[in-house]
Amino acid sequence: MSNAHSHVGERDAVISGIGQSPVGRKLGRTGISLTVEAALAAIADAGLTRDDIDGLSSYPGAVDSSPGMSPVGVPELKDALRLKVNWFSGGGEVPAQLGAVFNAVAAVSCGLANHVLVFRTVTESSAQTAGRRASVVGSGGARVSGPMQWMVPFHAVSAANWVGMYAQRYMHEYGLQREHLGQISVNARRHAMLNPRAIFREPLSLDEYMNARMVSWPLGLYDCDIPCDGSVAIIVSRADAAADLRKVVRIEAIGSALHGRDSWDQRADLTTMAAHDAAPMMWARTDLKPADVDSAHLYDGFSYLCLQWLEALGFFPKGEAAGFLAAGESRIGLGGELPLNTNGGQLSGGRMHGYGYLHEACVQLRGEGGDRQVAGAEVSVVGAGGGPLAGCMLLTADR
């Protein structure tokens, strides 16, 4: 870390502990039981006790409108763990999923708390039935309102429809092909096969990817992530309160900017997304460069979103995704130039709404990746969100 940006507030915070519940399909467990398991694991991992936790943060808070999307809010976990907190936050109007982490970083950096437990829990798999699909807007039974009222009449009821249209535009402008998107999906499965916690661990070939059923052109079955049940917890600590803790990951820089319109369909350039706002902010807060990154953990709710993050973060010039991805494993595999989504991402590991990436980045920087460990990983980048929402973090090993 250079001293040139030593004034940035995120340097006053560290990630001191991580925890994860089982992640799977239709686990049949309550959201709070998964959350408590992940939270206790993170607290123990940090070498703390429940009495040390004086802050709580979550995204997006408890949500009723979309089945299983966020069944547990801050008050429920506070009661379950009998915590006494000095600061707490839970809400959805933040820079994508990582907004809850950014809030925690801000809280510890300005002295409102010492150790903030950040969590994200989903039970989307168990919530799905024949008549209720968690990924389809309006499946919770509420009246369609807001921006959705302009999309639903055209049968654009799912993010698969919206992202598919963005992908088509990029294809039209820059010559991207489905085979290039397929490299992201096949790579995710290759890495998931090395992760005992991943949901899909069978081999996936590019032929199988290309021949799978179409969901919303150009996105096929393997371009879409997997609804699941699970919980991830992270402890964000004040750096000077974590001096004696065992497994610290340093926060080098964060990116939370949104300069374009907060909209799925009204950006000035439809070949970009909010990631193109957040990423430059992050790089402006550090002397590190894209070439310094040892592993990338980037949102693949759909394969195309991952492509957007790669471009926004500067791993290739604007419009050159096809050439970058064509290299396949030698580019984004474990032994490649930029190991990508080493835990299988959300395409094969399970949709933990951005928090699986943060957990995996910490695993890599602590050298605990086992068969999927990136040799000598010192710098990792995490990007979460797609479309109108984006947040990113640059993390470094504590060595």
Protein backbone atom coordinates (compact mmCIF):
# COMPACT_ATOMS: atom_id res chain seq x y z
CA MET A 1 0.00 0.00 0.00
CA SER A 2 1.33 3.42 -0.96
CA ASN A 3 1.20 6.42 1.34
CA ALA A 4 -0.16 8.58 -1.48
CA HIS A 5 -3.73 7.67 -0.58
CA SER A 6 -3.27 7.01 3.14
CA HIS A 7 -6.03 9.51 3.94
CA VAL A 8 -8.83 7.32 2.60
CA GLY A 9 -11.16 6.26 5.37
CA GLU A 10 -11.54 2.62 4.38
CA ARG A 11 -7.95 1.96 5.49
CA ASP A 12 -9.19 2.42 9.07
CA ALA A 13 -11.30 -0.74 8.70
CA VAL A 14 -10.38 -4.39 8.15
CA ILE A 15 -12.23 -7.65 7.60
CA SER A 16 -11.39 -9.64 10.71
CA GLY A 17 -13.62 -12.70 10.34
CA ILE A 18 -15.74 -14.62 7.83
CA GLY A 19 -18.42 -17.28 8.19
CA GLN A 20 -20.76 -19.20 5.94
CA SER A 21 -23.65 -21.55 6.55
CA PRO A 22 -24.29 -24.53 4.30
CA VAL A 23 -25.30 -23.31 0.83
CA GLY A 24 -27.68 -25.48 -1.16
CA ARG A 25 -31.00 -25.96 -2.86
CA LYS A 26 -34.13 -26.37 -0.77
CA LEU A 27 -32.27 -26.89 2.50
CA GLY A 28 -35.58 -26.61 4.33
CA ARG A 29 -34.09 -24.43 7.08
CA THR A 30 -35.30 -21.09 8.34
CA GLY A 31 -33.46 -17.97 7.33
CA ILE A 32 -32.61 -17.13 10.93
CA SER A 33 -31.06 -20.54 11.60
CA LEU A 34 -28.77 -20.14 8.58
CA THR A 35 -27.92 -16.59 9.64
CA VAL A 36 -27.07 -17.53 13.22
CA GLU A 37 -24.81 -20.34 11.98
CA ALA A 38 -22.90 -18.01 9.63
CA ALA A 39 -22.70 -15.24 12.24
CA LEU A 40 -21.35 -17.47 15.01
CA ALA A 41 -18.81 -18.90 12.57
CA ALA A 42 -17.60 -15.41 11.63
CA ILE A 43 -17.35 -14.29 15.25
CA ALA A 44 -15.36 -17.40 16.16
CA ASP A 45 -13.19 -17.03 13.06
CA ALA A 46 -12.23 -13.53 14.19
CA GLY A 47 -11.42 -14.72 17.70
CA LEU A 48 -14.15 -12.50 19.12
CA THR A 49 -17.19 -13.16 21.31
CA ARG A 50 -20.76 -11.97 20.92
CA ASP A 51 -20.04 -9.33 23.58
CA ASP A 52 -17.45 -7.78 21.23
CA ILE A 53 -19.98 -7.20 18.44
CA ASP A 54 -21.30 -3.65 18.78
CA GLY A 55 -22.62 -3.10 15.27
CA LEU A 56 -24.90 -4.87 12.77
CA SER A 57 -25.35 -4.26 9.06
CA SER A 58 -27.28 -6.06 6.34
CA TYR A 59 -28.54 -5.70 2.79
CA PRO A 60 -31.36 -5.10 1.97
CA GLY A 61 -33.05 -5.63 5.31
CA ALA A 62 -36.00 -8.00 5.66
CA VAL A 63 -38.03 -8.11 2.42
CA ASP A 64 -41.51 -9.59 1.96
CA SER A 65 -42.17 -8.73 -1.68
CA SER A 66 -39.84 -11.29 -3.30
CA PRO A 67 -39.96 -14.79 -1.80
CA GLY A 68 -36.79 -15.79 0.04
CA MET A 69 -34.80 -12.81 -1.27
CA SER A 70 -34.05 -11.49 2.22
CA PRO A 71 -35.93 -13.28 4.99
CA VAL A 72 -33.86 -11.94 7.90
CA GLY A 73 -33.40 -8.33 9.01
CA VAL A 74 -31.13 -6.70 11.56
CA PRO A 75 -33.59 -6.75 14.50
CA GLU A 76 -34.17 -10.51 14.20
CA LEU A 77 -30.47 -11.36 14.31
CA LYS A 78 -29.82 -8.88 17.10
CA ASP A 79 -32.44 -10.64 19.21
CA ALA A 80 -31.30 -14.14 18.27
CA LEU A 81 -27.70 -13.42 19.31
CA ARG A 82 -28.69 -11.18 22.26
CA LEU A 83 -26.43 -8.43 20.96
CA LYS A 84 -26.05 -4.95 22.43
CA VAL A 85 -25.21 -2.72 19.49
CA ASN A 86 -24.17 0.92 19.31
CA TRP A 87 -24.84 1.18 15.58
CA PHE A 88 -26.90 -0.73 13.02
CA SER A 89 -28.11 -0.42 9.43
CA GLY A 90 -30.25 -2.43 7.04
CA GLY A 91 -31.63 -1.17 3.76
CA GLY A 92 -31.70 -1.51 0.01
CA GLU A 93 -30.95 1.98 -1.31
CA VAL A 94 -27.18 1.51 -1.25
CA PRO A 95 -24.42 0.79 -3.84
CA ALA A 96 -25.60 -2.76 -4.57
CA GLN A 97 -25.13 -5.61 -2.13
CA LEU A 98 -21.78 -4.36 -0.84
CA GLY A 99 -23.48 -1.20 0.42
CA ALA A 100 -23.99 -2.92 3.77
CA VAL A 101 -20.23 -3.50 3.98
CA PHE A 102 -19.53 0.12 2.98
CA ASN A 103 -21.88 1.29 5.74
CA ALA A 104 -20.01 -0.88 8.24
CA VAL A 105 -16.67 0.48 7.03
CA ALA A 106 -17.94 4.03 7.50
CA ALA A 107 -19.25 3.22 10.98
CA VAL A 108 -16.00 1.77 12.30
CA SER A 109 -13.88 4.39 10.51
CA CYS A 110 -15.64 7.22 12.33
CA GLY A 111 -15.78 5.46 15.69
CA LEU A 112 -19.45 4.50 15.92
CA ALA A 113 -18.57 0.84 16.42
CA ASN A 114 -15.54 -1.42 16.86
CA HIS A 115 -16.72 -4.69 15.35
CA VAL A 116 -19.67 -4.75 12.93
CA LEU A 117 -21.28 -8.04 11.91
CA VAL A 118 -22.42 -7.79 8.28
CA PHE A 119 -24.69 -10.53 6.92
CA ARG A 120 -26.63 -11.55 3.84
CA THR A 121 -29.14 -14.41 3.92
CA VAL A 122 -31.26 -15.94 1.16
CA THR A 123 -33.81 -18.76 1.08
CA GLU A 124 -34.84 -18.27 -2.54
CA SER A 125 -34.61 -21.97 -3.39
CA SER A 126 -36.90 -23.11 -0.58
CA ALA A 127 -39.27 -20.22 -1.35
CA GLN A 128 -39.88 -21.36 -4.92
CA THR A 129 -42.97 -23.35 -5.75
CA ALA A 130 -44.72 -24.14 -9.01
CA GLY A 131 -46.67 -20.88 -8.74
CA ARG A 132 -44.01 -18.64 -7.20
CA ARG A 133 -40.65 -17.98 -8.79
CA ALA A 134 -38.36 -15.84 -6.67
CA SER A 135 -36.62 -14.37 -9.71
CA VAL A 136 -39.79 -13.15 -11.43
CA VAL A 137 -40.90 -9.66 -10.47
CA GLY A 138 -44.36 -9.54 -8.95
CA SER A 139 -44.32 -13.16 -7.78
CA GLY A 140 -44.85 -11.95 -4.23
CA GLY A 141 -48.41 -10.93 -5.10
CA ALA A 142 -47.93 -7.17 -4.83
CA ARG A 143 -49.30 -4.79 -7.44
CA VAL A 144 -46.69 -3.91 -10.07
CA SER A 145 -45.56 -0.30 -9.68
CA GLY A 146 -42.59 1.98 -10.28
CA PRO A 147 -40.36 1.32 -13.31
CA MET A 148 -41.75 -2.22 -13.59
CA GLN A 149 -45.11 -0.91 -14.80
CA TRP A 150 -43.39 0.05 -18.07
CA MET A 151 -41.64 -3.31 -18.54
CA VAL A 152 -44.13 -5.94 -17.45
CA PRO A 153 -46.62 -5.13 -20.27
CA PHE A 154 -43.87 -6.17 -22.69
CA HIS A 155 -43.28 -9.42 -20.75
CA ALA A 156 -39.94 -8.19 -19.40
CA VAL A 157 -40.67 -9.64 -15.97
CA SER A 158 -37.20 -10.86 -15.06
CA ALA A 159 -33.68 -9.46 -14.93
CA ALA A 160 -32.85 -12.14 -17.52
CA ASN A 161 -34.91 -10.12 -20.02
CA TRP A 162 -33.31 -6.81 -19.14
CA VAL A 163 -29.73 -8.10 -19.08
CA GLY A 164 -30.32 -9.99 -22.31
CA MET A 165 -31.15 -6.73 -24.05
CA TYR A 166 -27.96 -5.11 -22.73
CA ALA A 167 -25.96 -8.09 -23.98
CA GLN A 168 -27.55 -7.84 -27.42
CA ARG A 169 -26.51 -4.21 -27.65
CA TYR A 170 -22.90 -5.05 -26.76
CA MET A 171 -22.92 -7.83 -29.37
CA HIS A 172 -24.23 -5.41 -31.98
CA GLU A 173 -21.62 -2.77 -31.21
CA TYR A 174 -18.53 -4.88 -30.55
CA GLY A 175 -18.90 -8.32 -32.14
CA LEU A 176 -19.33 -10.32 -28.94
CA GLN A 177 -20.59 -13.90 -29.49
CA ARG A 178 -22.33 -16.39 -27.23
CA GLU A 179 -19.16 -18.51 -27.25
CA HIS A 180 -17.38 -15.68 -25.43
CA LEU A 181 -20.02 -15.50 -22.71
CA GLY A 182 -19.77 -19.27 -22.48
CA GLN A 183 -16.17 -19.02 -21.35
CA ILE A 184 -17.37 -17.30 -18.16
CA SER A 185 -19.91 -20.06 -17.45
CA VAL A 186 -17.57 -22.95 -18.23
CA ASN A 187 -14.81 -21.36 -16.14
CA ALA A 188 -17.17 -20.97 -13.18
CA ARG A 189 -18.06 -24.65 -13.32
CA ARG A 190 -14.41 -25.66 -13.62
CA HIS A 191 -13.70 -23.81 -10.38
CA ALA A 192 -16.87 -25.03 -8.65
CA MET A 193 -15.64 -28.59 -9.15
CA LEU A 194 -12.82 -27.70 -6.74
CA ASN A 195 -15.16 -26.18 -4.14
CA PRO A 196 -16.89 -28.67 -1.81
CA ARG A 197 -19.55 -26.04 -0.96
CA ALA A 198 -20.55 -25.35 -4.57
CA ILE A 199 -23.98 -26.51 -5.74
CA PHE A 200 -23.13 -27.66 -9.29
CA ARG A 201 -19.90 -29.66 -9.46
CA GLU A 202 -20.37 -31.74 -12.62
CA PRO A 203 -18.20 -30.84 -15.64
CA LEU A 204 -19.68 -28.38 -18.14
CA SER A 205 -18.38 -28.19 -21.70
CA LEU A 206 -18.74 -25.28 -24.10
CA ASP A 207 -20.88 -27.53 -26.33
CA GLU A 208 -23.25 -28.23 -23.45
CA TYR A 209 -23.40 -24.51 -22.74
CA MET A 210 -24.20 -23.66 -26.36
CA ASN A 211 -26.88 -26.34 -26.68
CA ALA A 212 -28.70 -25.64 -23.42
CA ARG A 213 -32.19 -24.16 -23.61
CA MET A 214 -32.52 -20.44 -24.25
CA VAL A 215 -33.87 -18.27 -21.43
CA SER A 216 -33.80 -14.75 -22.89
CA TRP A 217 -31.58 -14.22 -25.92
CA PRO A 218 -28.61 -14.34 -25.83
CA LEU A 219 -28.73 -15.76 -22.32
CA GLY A 220 -29.17 -19.52 -22.04
CA LEU A 221 -29.63 -21.77 -19.02
CA TYR A 222 -25.96 -21.68 -17.98
CA ASP A 223 -25.75 -17.88 -18.25
CA CYS A 224 -28.11 -17.59 -15.26
CA ASP A 225 -27.17 -18.04 -11.62
CA ILE A 226 -28.73 -20.53 -9.21
CA PRO A 227 -31.32 -19.60 -6.57
CA CYS A 228 -30.24 -21.19 -3.31
CA ASP A 229 -30.48 -21.11 0.48
CA GLY A 230 -27.61 -19.89 2.62
CA SER A 231 -26.02 -17.14 4.65
CA VAL A 232 -22.67 -15.34 4.69
CA ALA A 233 -21.38 -13.21 7.56
CA ILE A 234 -18.40 -10.86 7.62
CA ILE A 235 -16.89 -8.99 10.57
CA VAL A 236 -15.72 -5.46 9.75
CA SER A 237 -13.48 -4.17 12.54
CA ARG A 238 -11.72 -0.95 13.36
CA ALA A 239 -8.13 -1.53 12.27
CA ASP A 240 -6.65 -0.47 15.61
CA ALA A 241 -9.18 -2.66 17.44
CA ALA A 242 -8.10 -5.68 15.38
CA ALA A 243 -4.37 -5.49 16.04
CA ASP A 244 -4.41 -8.75 17.99
CA LEU A 245 -6.84 -10.61 15.73
CA ARG A 246 -5.65 -13.61 13.79
CA LYS A 247 -6.77 -13.43 10.17
CA VAL A 248 -7.09 -9.85 9.00
CA VAL A 249 -7.80 -8.83 5.39
CA ARG A 250 -7.00 -5.20 4.57
CA ILE A 251 -9.45 -2.92 2.77
CA GLU A 252 -7.45 -0.92 0.23
CA ALA A 253 -10.21 0.98 -1.58
CA ILE A 254 -13.93 0.97 -2.29
CA GLY A 255 -15.99 2.20 -5.22
CA SER A 256 -19.60 3.28 -4.76
CA ALA A 257 -20.21 5.93 -7.40
CA LEU A 258 -23.38 6.14 -9.49
CA HIS A 259 -23.09 8.93 -12.05
CA GLY A 260 -25.59 7.65 -14.60
CA ARG A 261 -29.33 7.22 -14.11
CA ASP A 262 -30.51 4.73 -11.51
CA SER A 263 -32.36 2.77 -14.17
CA TRP A 264 -32.24 -0.53 -16.02
CA ASP A 265 -33.07 1.05 -19.38
CA GLN A 266 -32.15 4.75 -19.34
CA ARG A 267 -28.34 4.84 -19.30
CA ALA A 268 -26.79 7.15 -21.87
CA ASP A 269 -24.62 4.26 -23.14
CA LEU A 270 -26.40 0.91 -23.10
CA THR A 271 -23.08 -0.95 -23.49
CA THR A 272 -22.16 0.18 -19.96
CA MET A 273 -23.66 -0.32 -16.50
CA ALA A 274 -23.21 1.21 -13.05
CA ALA A 275 -19.98 -0.78 -12.69
CA HIS A 276 -18.46 1.75 -15.08
CA ASP A 277 -19.13 4.45 -12.47
CA ALA A 278 -18.04 2.56 -9.35
CA ALA A 279 -14.79 1.08 -10.68
CA PRO A 280 -13.04 4.36 -11.61
CA MET A 281 -13.82 5.72 -8.15
CA MET A 282 -12.17 2.69 -6.55
CA TRP A 283 -9.02 2.98 -8.65
CA ALA A 284 -8.82 6.71 -7.84
CA ARG A 285 -8.50 5.79 -4.15
CA THR A 286 -5.41 3.59 -4.48
CA ASP A 287 -2.04 3.47 -6.21
CA LEU A 288 -2.61 -0.17 -7.16
CA LYS A 289 -3.55 -0.94 -10.76
CA PRO A 290 -5.54 -3.69 -12.54
CA ALA A 291 -2.26 -5.47 -13.29
CA ASP A 292 -1.69 -5.88 -9.53
CA VAL A 293 -4.84 -7.95 -9.03
CA ASP A 294 -4.22 -11.65 -8.30
CA SER A 295 -7.83 -12.83 -8.19
CA ALA A 296 -11.15 -11.32 -9.29
CA HIS A 297 -14.52 -12.09 -7.70
CA LEU A 298 -17.09 -10.44 -9.93
CA TYR A 299 -20.85 -10.56 -10.04
CA ASP A 300 -22.09 -13.28 -12.40
CA GLY A 301 -25.80 -13.19 -11.63
CA PHE A 302 -25.72 -13.45 -15.41
CA SER A 303 -22.54 -14.12 -17.36
CA TYR A 304 -22.86 -10.77 -19.13
CA LEU A 305 -22.74 -8.86 -15.82
CA CYS A 306 -19.35 -10.44 -15.14
CA LEU A 307 -18.13 -9.23 -18.55
CA GLN A 308 -19.28 -5.73 -17.64
CA TRP A 309 -17.28 -5.80 -14.41
CA LEU A 310 -14.14 -7.03 -16.18
CA GLU A 311 -14.40 -4.14 -18.63
CA ALA A 312 -15.34 -1.50 -16.07
CA LEU A 313 -12.38 -2.48 -13.86
CA GLY A 314 -9.99 -1.95 -16.76
CA PHE A 315 -8.87 -5.52 -17.42
CA PHE A 316 -9.34 -4.83 -21.14
CA PRO A 317 -10.16 -1.71 -23.20
CA LYS A 318 -13.74 -0.67 -23.90
CA GLY A 319 -15.45 -3.01 -26.34
CA GLU A 320 -12.74 -5.68 -26.36
CA ALA A 321 -14.47 -8.34 -24.26
CA ALA A 322 -14.53 -10.86 -27.09
CA GLY A 323 -10.77 -10.91 -27.52
CA PHE A 324 -10.18 -11.08 -23.77
CA LEU A 325 -12.58 -13.95 -23.15
CA ALA A 326 -11.63 -15.94 -26.26
CA ALA A 327 -8.43 -17.01 -24.45
CA GLY A 328 -10.59 -18.95 -21.96
CA GLU A 329 -8.80 -20.85 -19.21
CA SER A 330 -5.39 -19.33 -19.91
CA ARG A 331 -6.93 -15.94 -19.19
CA ILE A 332 -9.46 -16.50 -16.39
CA GLY A 333 -8.66 -20.00 -15.08
CA LEU A 334 -6.83 -20.75 -11.84
CA GLY A 335 -3.45 -20.73 -13.55
CA GLY A 336 -4.35 -17.88 -15.90
CA GLU A 337 -3.59 -14.18 -15.97
CA LEU A 338 -6.66 -13.27 -13.91
CA PRO A 339 -8.22 -16.16 -11.95
CA LEU A 340 -11.94 -15.37 -11.95
CA ASN A 341 -14.63 -16.48 -9.48
CA THR A 342 -12.51 -19.20 -7.93
CA ASN A 343 -15.40 -20.56 -5.84
CA GLY A 344 -17.63 -21.13 -8.88
CA GLY A 345 -19.32 -17.73 -8.63
CA GLN A 346 -23.10 -17.59 -8.58
CA LEU A 347 -23.38 -19.47 -11.89
CA SER A 348 -22.24 -22.74 -10.29
CA GLY A 349 -21.69 -22.00 -6.61
CA GLY A 350 -25.10 -20.51 -5.77
CA ARG A 351 -26.66 -17.04 -5.70
CA MET A 352 -25.57 -15.50 -2.42
CA HIS A 353 -26.31 -12.01 -3.77
CA GLY A 354 -22.73 -10.83 -3.88
CA TYR A 355 -21.52 -12.06 -0.50
CA GLY A 356 -20.08 -15.33 -1.76
CA TYR A 357 -17.51 -13.27 -3.70
CA LEU A 358 -16.43 -11.31 -0.64
CA HIS A 359 -16.12 -14.50 1.41
CA GLU A 360 -14.07 -16.16 -1.34
CA ALA A 361 -11.77 -13.14 -1.77
CA CYS A 362 -10.93 -13.34 1.92
CA VAL A 363 -10.34 -17.10 1.66
CA GLN A 364 -7.90 -16.48 -1.20
CA LEU A 365 -6.03 -13.67 0.56
CA ARG A 366 -5.70 -15.79 3.69
CA GLY A 367 -4.31 -18.67 1.65
CA GLU A 368 -7.14 -21.03 2.65
CA GLY A 369 -8.46 -21.96 -0.82
CA GLY A 370 -7.19 -25.52 -0.84
CA ASP A 371 -7.43 -27.07 -4.32
CA ARG A 372 -8.63 -23.76 -5.76
CA GLN A 373 -6.05 -21.52 -4.08
CA VAL A 374 -4.40 -18.90 -6.28
CA ALA A 375 -0.68 -19.12 -5.59
CA GLY A 376 0.65 -16.08 -3.74
CA ALA A 377 -2.61 -14.13 -3.81
CA GLU A 378 -1.93 -10.68 -2.35
CA VAL A 379 -4.55 -8.46 -4.02
CA SER A 380 -8.17 -9.32 -4.81
CA VAL A 381 -11.00 -7.30 -6.28
CA VAL A 382 -14.69 -7.84 -5.52
CA GLY A 383 -17.49 -6.38 -7.64
CA ALA A 384 -21.18 -6.81 -6.85
CA GLY A 385 -24.34 -5.72 -8.58
CA GLY A 386 -25.46 -5.21 -12.15
CA GLY A 387 -27.48 -2.78 -14.21
CA PRO A 388 -28.23 0.34 -12.13
CA LEU A 389 -26.44 -0.85 -8.97
CA ALA A 390 -22.74 -1.47 -8.38
CA GLY A 391 -20.17 -1.49 -5.61
CA CYS A 392 -16.59 -2.76 -5.60
CA MET A 393 -13.75 -3.32 -3.14
CA LEU A 394 -10.02 -3.82 -3.47
CA LEU A 395 -8.67 -6.08 -0.72
CA THR A 396 -5.11 -6.98 0.23
CA ALA A 397 -3.50 -9.70 2.30
CA ASP A 398 -2.17 -8.81 5.76
CA ARG A 399 1.43 -9.76 5.19
